[in-house]
Amino acid sequence: MGKPLIIQESDDKRIKFLKKAFGLHRKIDVIRAGLNLLEQEAEYIKRVKQWKHAVQLVVKSSQVINKEFQAHSGMKSKGRVGKA
C-alpha cells in the first residue's frame, strides 16, 4: 500500500485549483505532474553542468589551436583581409 501523505490546508487549496485548471480527476495526478516537471528540470540542470564541464575541458586546447591558426594565417599576415 502507499505511504500516507499529510497535506497542509494551503497546499490542498493549490492542488484543488490545479486539478480544476488542468482537468485532472485526482490529487495524485497533480502531484505526479509536478514530479514530472521537477524531474525534467533536474535532467536539464544535469545536462547544463555536463556541457559546462565539457567546455572547460576543451577551452584551453581550443585557444592554443586558434593561436596556431592565427600565427600561420596567410590572409592576416599579408594584410589581405577586407581588401579587394
C-alpha atoms as a PDB file:
ATOM      1  CA  MET A   1       0.000   0.000   0.000  1.00  0.00           C
ATOM      2  CA  GLY A   2       1.073   3.583  -0.489  1.00  0.00           C
ATOM      3  CA  LYS A   3       2.582   5.870   2.094  1.00  0.00           C
ATOM      4  CA  PRO A   4       0.314   8.393   3.799  1.00  0.00           C
ATOM      5  CA  LEU A   5       0.869  11.987   2.753  1.00  0.00           C
ATOM      6  CA  ILE A   6      -0.061  14.814   5.066  1.00  0.00           C
ATOM      7  CA  ILE A   7      -1.052  17.855   3.039  1.00  0.00           C
ATOM      8  CA  GLN A   8      -1.357  21.297   4.585  1.00  0.00           C
ATOM      9  CA  GLU A   9      -4.616  23.161   4.019  1.00  0.00           C
ATOM     10  CA  SER A  10      -2.941  25.824   1.857  1.00  0.00           C
ATOM     11  CA  ASP A  11      -1.362  23.114  -0.301  1.00  0.00           C
ATOM     12  CA  ASP A  12      -4.707  21.348  -0.579  1.00  0.00           C
ATOM     13  CA  LYS A  13      -6.260  24.546  -1.950  1.00  0.00           C
ATOM     14  CA  ARG A  14      -3.470  24.852  -4.521  1.00  0.00           C
ATOM     15  CA  ILE A  15      -3.924  21.225  -5.554  1.00  0.00           C
ATOM     16  CA  LYS A  16      -7.688  21.696  -5.954  1.00  0.00           C
ATOM     17  CA  PHE A  17      -7.081  24.781  -8.092  1.00  0.00           C
ATOM     18  CA  LEU A  18      -4.620  22.876 -10.293  1.00  0.00           C
ATOM     19  CA  LYS A  19      -6.970  19.908 -10.582  1.00  0.00           C
ATOM     20  CA  LYS A  20      -9.677  22.179 -11.900  1.00  0.00           C
ATOM     21  CA  ALA A  21      -7.344  24.220 -14.126  1.00  0.00           C
ATOM     22  CA  PHE A  22      -5.866  21.156 -15.837  1.00  0.00           C
ATOM     23  CA  GLY A  23      -8.938  18.927 -15.774  1.00  0.00           C
ATOM     24  CA  LEU A  24      -7.326  16.324 -13.554  1.00  0.00           C
ATOM     25  CA  HIS A  25      -9.501  13.955 -11.546  1.00  0.00           C
ATOM     26  CA  ARG A  26      -7.318  13.045  -8.572  1.00  0.00           C
ATOM     27  CA  LYS A  27      -4.901  14.852  -6.285  1.00  0.00           C
ATOM     28  CA  ILE A  28      -2.226  12.291  -7.093  1.00  0.00           C
ATOM     29  CA  ASP A  29      -2.425  13.312 -10.764  1.00  0.00           C
ATOM     30  CA  VAL A  30      -1.430  16.842  -9.778  1.00  0.00           C
ATOM     31  CA  ILE A  31       1.415  15.504  -7.629  1.00  0.00           C
ATOM     32  CA  ARG A  32       2.689  13.264 -10.442  1.00  0.00           C
ATOM     33  CA  ALA A  33       2.532  16.113 -12.949  1.00  0.00           C
ATOM     34  CA  GLY A  34       4.588  18.253 -10.567  1.00  0.00           C
ATOM     35  CA  LEU A  35       7.100  15.451 -10.057  1.00  0.00           C
ATOM     36  CA  ASN A  36       7.449  15.040 -13.819  1.00  0.00           C
ATOM     37  CA  LEU A  37       8.233  18.727 -14.206  1.00  0.00           C
ATOM     38  CA  LEU A  38      10.773  18.598 -11.379  1.00  0.00           C
ATOM     39  CA  GLU A  39      12.458  15.560 -12.947  1.00  0.00           C
ATOM     40  CA  GLN A  40      12.681  17.355 -16.297  1.00  0.00           C
ATOM     41  CA  GLU A  41      14.224  20.387 -14.603  1.00  0.00           C
ATOM     42  CA  ALA A  42      16.720  18.165 -12.758  1.00  0.00           C
ATOM     43  CA  GLU A  43      17.736  16.488 -16.036  1.00  0.00           C
ATOM     44  CA  TYR A  44      18.178  19.891 -17.675  1.00  0.00           C
ATOM     45  CA  ILE A  45      20.376  21.110 -14.802  1.00  0.00           C
ATOM     46  CA  LYS A  46      22.434  17.903 -15.035  1.00  0.00           C
ATOM     47  CA  ARG A  47      22.964  18.389 -18.799  1.00  0.00           C
ATOM     48  CA  VAL A  48      23.965  22.041 -18.339  1.00  0.00           C
ATOM     49  CA  LYS A  49      26.561  21.007 -15.745  1.00  0.00           C
ATOM     50  CA  GLN A  50      27.911  18.372 -18.157  1.00  0.00           C
ATOM     51  CA  TRP A  51      28.105  20.907 -21.000  1.00  0.00           C
ATOM     52  CA  LYS A  52      29.927  23.423 -18.784  1.00  0.00           C
ATOM     53  CA  HIS A  53      32.383  20.746 -17.718  1.00  0.00           C
ATOM     54  CA  ALA A  54      32.988  19.728 -21.339  1.00  0.00           C
ATOM     55  CA  VAL A  55      33.591  23.347 -22.339  1.00  0.00           C
ATOM     56  CA  GLN A  56      36.099  23.781 -19.525  1.00  0.00           C
ATOM     57  CA  LEU A  57      37.972  20.702 -20.720  1.00  0.00           C
ATOM     58  CA  VAL A  58      38.372  21.931 -24.301  1.00  0.00           C
ATOM     59  CA  VAL A  59      38.655  25.695 -23.899  1.00  0.00           C
ATOM     60  CA  LYS A  60      42.422  25.764 -23.235  1.00  0.00           C
ATOM     61  CA  SER A  61      43.312  23.483 -26.123  1.00  0.00           C
ATOM     62  CA  SER A  62      40.919  25.404 -28.350  1.00  0.00           C
ATOM     63  CA  GLN A  63      42.674  28.681 -27.502  1.00  0.00           C
ATOM     64  CA  VAL A  64      46.066  27.151 -28.335  1.00  0.00           C
ATOM     65  CA  ILE A  65      44.797  25.847 -31.678  1.00  0.00           C
ATOM     66  CA  ASN A  66      43.232  29.214 -32.545  1.00  0.00           C
ATOM     67  CA  LYS A  67      46.536  30.978 -31.823  1.00  0.00           C
ATOM     68  CA  GLU A  68      48.334  28.479 -34.070  1.00  0.00           C
ATOM     69  CA  PHE A  69      45.933  29.169 -36.926  1.00  0.00           C
ATOM     70  CA  GLN A  70      46.259  32.918 -36.455  1.00  0.00           C
ATOM     71  CA  ALA A  71      50.046  32.714 -36.465  1.00  0.00           C
ATOM     72  CA  HIS A  72      50.057  30.800 -39.760  1.00  0.00           C
ATOM     73  CA  SER A  73      47.210  32.619 -41.462  1.00  0.00           C
ATOM     74  CA  GLY A  74      48.358  33.949 -44.840  1.00  0.00           C
ATOM     75  CA  MET A  75      45.427  36.313 -45.137  1.00  0.00           C
ATOM     76  CA  LYS A  76      46.077  38.001 -41.815  1.00  0.00           C
ATOM     77  CA  SER A  77      49.853  38.281 -42.105  1.00  0.00           C
ATOM     78  CA  LYS A  78      49.748  39.698 -45.667  1.00  0.00           C
ATOM     79  CA  GLY A  79      47.043  42.262 -44.956  1.00  0.00           C
ATOM     80  CA  ARG A  80      44.534  40.800 -47.413  1.00  0.00           C
ATOM     81  CA  VAL A  81      41.565  40.790 -45.086  1.00  0.00           C
ATOM     82  CA  GLY A  82      38.907  43.285 -46.209  1.00  0.00           C
ATOM     83  CA  LYS A  83      40.846  44.465 -49.275  1.00  0.00           C
ATOM     84  CA  ALA A  84      39.720  43.869 -52.840  1.00  0.00           C
END
